[in-house]
Amino acid sequence: MNQEIKLLVLDIDGTIAGKSNQINTKVKKAIQAVRAKGIQVAVATGRMYRSALRFHHEIGSTLPLLAYQGAWIQDPATQKMHRHWTVAKQTAIQLLDYFEQPELRSLLSVHFYINDRLYVRELTSETRLYSERSGIEAIAVGDLRQALTTEPTKVLALCDDTEIIDRLLSSLRQQYTPAELYLTKSVATFFEATNPSINKGVGVRYLAEELLGIAAANVMAIGDNFNDVEMLEYAGIGVAMGNAPADVQAIAQWVAPSVEQNGVAVAIEKFLL
């Protein structure tokens, strides 16, 4: 067992929850064993806060929850908001203009997340699946510009064609510097844009150093996708899931079995128990 680790940070989708959208008993038991040892556990996800809450409660976390890649950090026990960094309204409109170009408009489902609510132009089949999985009602507004009464926490574009998402990412990375916008993929079909000052690494550092007074060496993080890279690089022990893309596996110190093989439980047994 690793004496050093005092905080275990877990991603949700593809990490503690697979196809079933539930945490398997084996993984749950391993997390309970970690907590019994006095190690804190926390969730860091690209999901909405309200969509991530049930996982936070299920793993028995007593720390603030990192949602929206860390753009929204809130303590469910006290409701205290530790951090809420948004995307500038002007930038959100520019992104929307880009997504609504004639050759892209019909291919993308665009999601605006405003005050932990989900706004869409119309209910596409992708949006319906997303709503079902996240347990969130999507509010269809027609023109998304009308929903921008306040700055969004996140902008997401969904497309079943992963090549379109890759093209989107590379062309928008040419238009926006990392100082202007944080662009990532949480799933091969999800393009995500958030405030440039945040990512899961920044969020986890805040939990560890500001709130718990511990160092990166005391943190273990487990994730499965590009939006987990910064967190895996920050942590003393960064573990990628077996279902993670090769580039994500390459930066991790260890690669666990896949989510469907309870990889998180295996990683916990290896490093923490």
Protein backbone atom coordinates (compact mmCIF):
# COMPACT_ATOMS: atom_id res chain seq x y z
CA MET A 1 0.00 0.00 0.00
CA ASN A 2 1.13 3.54 -0.73
CA GLN A 3 1.65 5.55 2.49
CA GLU A 4 1.90 8.78 0.55
CA ILE A 5 -1.49 8.94 -1.12
CA LYS A 6 -4.05 10.99 0.81
CA LEU A 7 -6.45 11.84 -2.00
CA LEU A 8 -7.91 9.65 -4.76
CA VAL A 9 -9.59 11.52 -7.65
CA LEU A 10 -11.89 9.66 -10.01
CA ASP A 11 -13.41 10.51 -13.37
CA ILE A 12 -16.95 9.16 -13.96
CA ASP A 13 -17.67 8.09 -17.55
CA GLY A 14 -15.39 5.37 -18.84
CA THR A 15 -13.68 5.21 -15.45
CA ILE A 16 -16.03 4.35 -12.56
CA ALA A 17 -19.12 4.05 -14.79
CA GLY A 18 -19.21 2.03 -18.00
CA LYS A 19 -22.02 1.13 -20.36
CA SER A 20 -24.45 0.51 -17.51
CA ASN A 21 -24.00 4.11 -16.25
CA GLN A 22 -23.64 2.63 -12.74
CA ILE A 23 -20.70 1.96 -10.44
CA ASN A 24 -20.11 -1.79 -10.20
CA THR A 25 -20.15 -3.35 -6.73
CA LYS A 26 -16.50 -4.37 -7.01
CA VAL A 27 -15.44 -0.79 -7.70
CA LYS A 28 -17.69 0.56 -4.97
CA LYS A 29 -16.20 -1.85 -2.41
CA ALA A 30 -12.64 -0.88 -3.40
CA ILE A 31 -13.52 2.81 -2.96
CA GLN A 32 -15.05 2.06 0.46
CA ALA A 33 -11.83 0.29 1.46
CA VAL A 34 -9.83 3.35 0.43
CA ARG A 35 -12.02 5.61 2.57
CA ALA A 36 -11.73 3.20 5.51
CA LYS A 37 -7.96 3.76 5.32
CA GLY A 38 -8.50 7.49 5.80
CA ILE A 39 -7.80 8.42 2.18
CA GLN A 40 -10.18 11.06 0.81
CA VAL A 41 -11.97 10.48 -2.50
CA ALA A 42 -13.28 13.04 -4.97
CA VAL A 43 -15.02 13.14 -8.35
CA ALA A 44 -13.60 15.14 -11.28
CA THR A 45 -15.85 15.06 -14.34
CA GLY A 46 -16.81 16.89 -17.51
CA ARG A 47 -20.44 16.25 -16.54
CA MET A 48 -22.85 18.83 -15.23
CA TYR A 49 -22.87 19.27 -11.46
CA ARG A 50 -26.42 17.96 -11.07
CA SER A 51 -25.63 14.96 -13.27
CA ALA A 52 -22.50 14.06 -11.27
CA LEU A 53 -24.11 14.34 -7.82
CA ARG A 54 -25.35 10.77 -7.54
CA PHE A 55 -21.83 9.44 -8.20
CA HIS A 56 -20.39 11.83 -5.62
CA HIS A 57 -22.85 10.49 -3.02
CA GLU A 58 -22.35 6.88 -4.08
CA ILE A 59 -18.58 6.97 -3.49
CA GLY A 60 -19.14 8.73 -0.16
CA SER A 61 -17.06 11.78 -1.01
CA THR A 62 -16.99 14.55 1.59
CA LEU A 63 -15.01 16.93 -0.62
CA PRO A 64 -16.26 19.50 -3.12
CA LEU A 65 -17.27 18.03 -6.48
CA LEU A 66 -15.37 19.03 -9.62
CA ALA A 67 -17.83 19.33 -12.50
CA TYR A 68 -17.51 20.75 -16.04
CA GLN A 69 -13.76 19.83 -16.16
CA GLY A 70 -13.26 21.83 -12.95
CA ALA A 71 -14.99 25.04 -14.14
CA TRP A 72 -17.60 24.42 -11.42
CA ILE A 73 -16.38 23.27 -8.00
CA GLN A 74 -19.08 23.05 -5.37
CA ASP A 75 -19.48 21.33 -2.01
CA PRO A 76 -22.72 19.33 -2.05
CA ALA A 77 -22.83 19.16 1.77
CA THR A 78 -22.76 22.93 2.35
CA GLN A 79 -23.74 24.10 -1.17
CA LYS A 80 -20.68 26.38 -1.02
CA MET A 81 -19.44 27.33 -4.49
CA HIS A 82 -15.64 27.24 -4.50
CA ARG A 83 -15.18 28.10 -8.14
CA HIS A 84 -17.29 28.95 -11.15
CA TRP A 85 -15.39 30.07 -14.21
CA THR A 86 -17.40 30.66 -17.37
CA VAL A 87 -16.97 31.14 -21.11
CA ALA A 88 -17.29 34.77 -22.26
CA LYS A 89 -20.66 35.45 -23.89
CA GLN A 90 -18.96 36.85 -27.01
CA THR A 91 -16.88 33.67 -27.36
CA ALA A 92 -19.96 31.47 -26.95
CA ILE A 93 -21.64 33.39 -29.79
CA GLN A 94 -18.53 33.03 -31.99
CA LEU A 95 -18.52 29.26 -31.37
CA LEU A 96 -22.21 29.09 -32.20
CA ASP A 97 -21.64 31.00 -35.44
CA TYR A 98 -18.94 28.48 -36.30
CA PHE A 99 -21.13 25.46 -35.48
CA GLU A 100 -24.01 26.91 -37.48
CA GLN A 101 -22.10 27.18 -40.76
CA PRO A 102 -24.27 25.53 -43.47
CA GLU A 103 -21.97 22.50 -43.84
CA LEU A 104 -21.87 21.83 -40.10
CA ARG A 105 -25.24 22.92 -38.78
CA SER A 106 -27.17 19.73 -39.54
CA LEU A 107 -24.33 17.48 -38.33
CA LEU A 108 -23.86 18.90 -34.83
CA SER A 109 -25.96 18.94 -31.69
CA VAL A 110 -24.88 22.03 -29.78
CA HIS A 111 -25.25 22.19 -26.00
CA PHE A 112 -24.99 25.34 -23.88
CA TYR A 113 -24.67 24.81 -20.12
CA ILE A 114 -25.95 27.82 -18.22
CA ASN A 115 -26.42 27.80 -14.44
CA ASP A 116 -26.27 23.99 -14.44
CA ARG A 117 -29.08 23.72 -16.95
CA LEU A 118 -28.77 22.37 -20.48
CA TYR A 119 -30.02 24.47 -23.41
CA VAL A 120 -30.21 23.19 -26.99
CA ARG A 121 -31.58 24.45 -30.30
CA GLU A 122 -33.67 21.34 -30.80
CA LEU A 123 -33.89 17.82 -29.42
CA THR A 124 -31.73 15.72 -31.73
CA SER A 125 -31.32 11.96 -31.27
CA GLU A 126 -27.80 12.56 -29.86
CA THR A 127 -29.17 15.04 -27.34
CA ARG A 128 -31.91 12.60 -26.32
CA LEU A 129 -29.36 9.86 -25.64
CA TYR A 130 -27.19 12.32 -23.74
CA SER A 131 -30.17 13.47 -21.63
CA GLU A 132 -31.09 9.90 -20.83
CA ARG A 133 -27.59 8.98 -19.74
CA SER A 134 -27.04 12.11 -17.68
CA GLY A 135 -30.55 12.21 -16.23
CA ILE A 136 -30.92 15.82 -17.35
CA GLU A 137 -33.77 17.50 -19.16
CA ALA A 138 -32.59 19.41 -22.24
CA ILE A 139 -34.39 22.72 -22.75
CA ALA A 140 -35.01 23.39 -26.47
CA VAL A 141 -34.97 27.11 -27.25
CA GLY A 142 -34.66 27.38 -31.01
CA ASP A 143 -32.01 30.11 -31.30
CA LEU A 144 -29.40 29.43 -28.62
CA ARG A 145 -28.46 33.12 -28.56
CA GLN A 146 -31.69 33.71 -26.62
CA ALA A 147 -30.48 31.44 -23.82
CA LEU A 148 -27.33 33.52 -23.30
CA THR A 149 -28.77 35.74 -20.59
CA THR A 150 -25.63 34.92 -18.62
CA GLU A 151 -22.25 33.37 -19.48
CA PRO A 152 -22.25 29.61 -20.06
CA THR A 153 -20.10 27.28 -17.96
CA LYS A 154 -19.44 25.04 -20.95
CA VAL A 155 -20.17 24.70 -24.65
CA LEU A 156 -20.41 21.21 -26.15
CA ALA A 157 -20.82 19.98 -29.72
CA LEU A 158 -21.91 16.40 -30.26
CA CYS A 159 -21.52 14.40 -33.44
CA ASP A 160 -21.64 10.67 -34.14
CA ASP A 161 -18.91 11.13 -36.73
CA THR A 162 -15.67 11.24 -34.73
CA GLU A 163 -13.77 12.62 -37.72
CA ILE A 164 -15.94 15.74 -37.69
CA ILE A 165 -15.20 16.21 -33.98
CA ASP A 166 -11.45 15.84 -34.65
CA ARG A 167 -11.64 18.38 -37.47
CA LEU A 168 -13.59 20.75 -35.23
CA LEU A 169 -10.95 20.44 -32.53
CA SER A 170 -8.00 21.05 -34.82
CA SER A 171 -9.56 23.98 -36.67
CA LEU A 172 -10.78 25.70 -33.49
CA ARG A 173 -7.37 25.15 -31.89
CA GLN A 174 -5.99 27.24 -34.74
CA GLN A 175 -8.52 29.99 -34.02
CA TYR A 176 -8.23 30.11 -30.24
CA THR A 177 -5.04 29.98 -28.20
CA PRO A 178 -5.02 27.98 -24.93
CA ALA A 179 -5.14 31.39 -23.20
CA GLU A 180 -8.51 32.11 -24.84
CA LEU A 181 -10.33 28.80 -24.52
CA TYR A 182 -9.75 25.30 -23.12
CA LEU A 183 -10.72 22.83 -25.85
CA THR A 184 -10.87 19.10 -25.29
CA LYS A 185 -12.65 15.82 -25.97
CA SER A 186 -14.19 13.90 -23.08
CA VAL A 187 -15.50 11.20 -25.42
CA ALA A 188 -14.59 10.71 -29.10
CA THR A 189 -17.97 12.22 -30.09
CA PHE A 190 -17.91 15.19 -27.66
CA PHE A 191 -16.13 18.47 -28.44
CA GLU A 192 -15.96 20.65 -25.32
CA ALA A 193 -15.02 24.27 -24.69
CA THR A 194 -14.56 25.86 -21.27
CA ASN A 195 -12.83 28.78 -19.58
CA PRO A 196 -9.09 28.77 -20.49
CA SER A 197 -7.96 28.93 -16.86
CA ILE A 198 -9.40 25.56 -15.99
CA ASN A 199 -8.93 21.86 -16.58
CA LYS A 200 -9.15 18.88 -14.24
CA GLY A 201 -5.47 19.28 -13.32
CA VAL A 202 -6.05 22.83 -12.08
CA GLY A 203 -9.15 21.68 -10.18
CA VAL A 204 -7.39 18.76 -8.51
CA ARG A 205 -4.47 21.01 -7.53
CA TYR A 206 -7.00 23.33 -5.87
CA LEU A 207 -8.53 20.43 -3.89
CA ALA A 208 -5.14 19.06 -2.87
CA GLU A 209 -3.08 22.15 -2.18
CA GLU A 210 -5.63 24.80 -1.21
CA LEU A 211 -8.23 22.73 0.61
CA LEU A 212 -6.34 19.74 1.97
CA GLY A 213 -2.84 21.19 2.27
CA ILE A 214 -1.22 18.22 0.53
CA ALA A 215 1.15 17.99 -2.44
CA ALA A 216 0.81 16.43 -5.89
CA ALA A 217 2.82 13.47 -4.60
CA ASN A 218 -0.07 12.70 -2.22
CA VAL A 219 -2.63 12.45 -5.03
CA MET A 220 -3.68 9.50 -7.18
CA ALA A 221 -5.94 10.18 -10.18
CA ILE A 222 -7.71 7.79 -12.54
CA GLY A 223 -9.24 8.75 -15.89
CA ASP A 224 -9.87 7.56 -19.43
CA ASN A 225 -9.83 10.45 -21.87
CA PHE A 226 -8.18 13.62 -23.15
CA ASN A 227 -9.93 15.82 -20.58
CA ASP A 228 -8.17 13.72 -17.88
CA VAL A 229 -4.64 14.28 -19.18
CA GLU A 230 -3.82 17.34 -17.05
CA MET A 231 -5.09 15.60 -13.91
CA LEU A 232 -3.08 12.45 -14.64
CA GLU A 233 0.04 14.54 -15.26
CA TYR A 234 -0.44 16.48 -12.01
CA ALA A 235 -1.02 13.49 -9.71
CA GLY A 236 1.80 11.62 -8.00
CA ILE A 237 0.18 8.49 -9.43
CA GLY A 238 -1.70 8.96 -12.70
CA VAL A 239 -3.60 5.90 -13.93
CA ALA A 240 -5.25 5.58 -17.33
CA MET A 241 -8.01 3.09 -18.01
CA GLY A 242 -7.52 0.24 -20.49
CA ASN A 243 -10.31 1.78 -22.60
CA ALA A 244 -8.44 5.12 -22.84
CA PRO A 245 -7.06 6.31 -26.20
CA ALA A 246 -3.39 5.37 -26.76
CA ASP A 247 -2.21 8.98 -26.34
CA VAL A 248 -3.84 9.15 -22.93
CA GLN A 249 -2.37 5.80 -21.88
CA ALA A 250 1.05 7.03 -22.98
CA ILE A 251 1.18 9.83 -20.39
CA ALA A 252 -0.04 7.68 -17.48
CA GLN A 253 2.26 5.88 -15.07
CA TRP A 254 0.14 2.79 -15.19
CA VAL A 255 -2.67 1.47 -17.35
CA ALA A 256 -5.49 -0.33 -15.56
CA PRO A 257 -7.86 -2.86 -17.11
CA SER A 258 -10.88 -1.35 -18.87
CA VAL A 259 -13.96 0.04 -17.14
CA GLU A 260 -15.97 -3.08 -17.99
CA GLN A 261 -13.26 -5.12 -16.22
CA ASN A 262 -13.48 -2.98 -13.06
CA GLY A 263 -10.13 -1.33 -13.79
CA VAL A 264 -10.54 1.18 -10.97
CA ALA A 265 -10.82 -1.62 -8.40
CA VAL A 266 -7.68 -3.25 -9.83
CA ALA A 267 -5.76 0.05 -9.68
CA ILE A 268 -6.89 0.69 -6.12
CA GLU A 269 -5.82 -2.79 -5.01
CA LYS A 270 -2.44 -2.34 -6.69
CA PHE A 271 -1.58 1.09 -5.30
CA LEU A 272 -3.66 1.77 -2.22
CA LEU A 273 -4.71 -1.40 -0.40
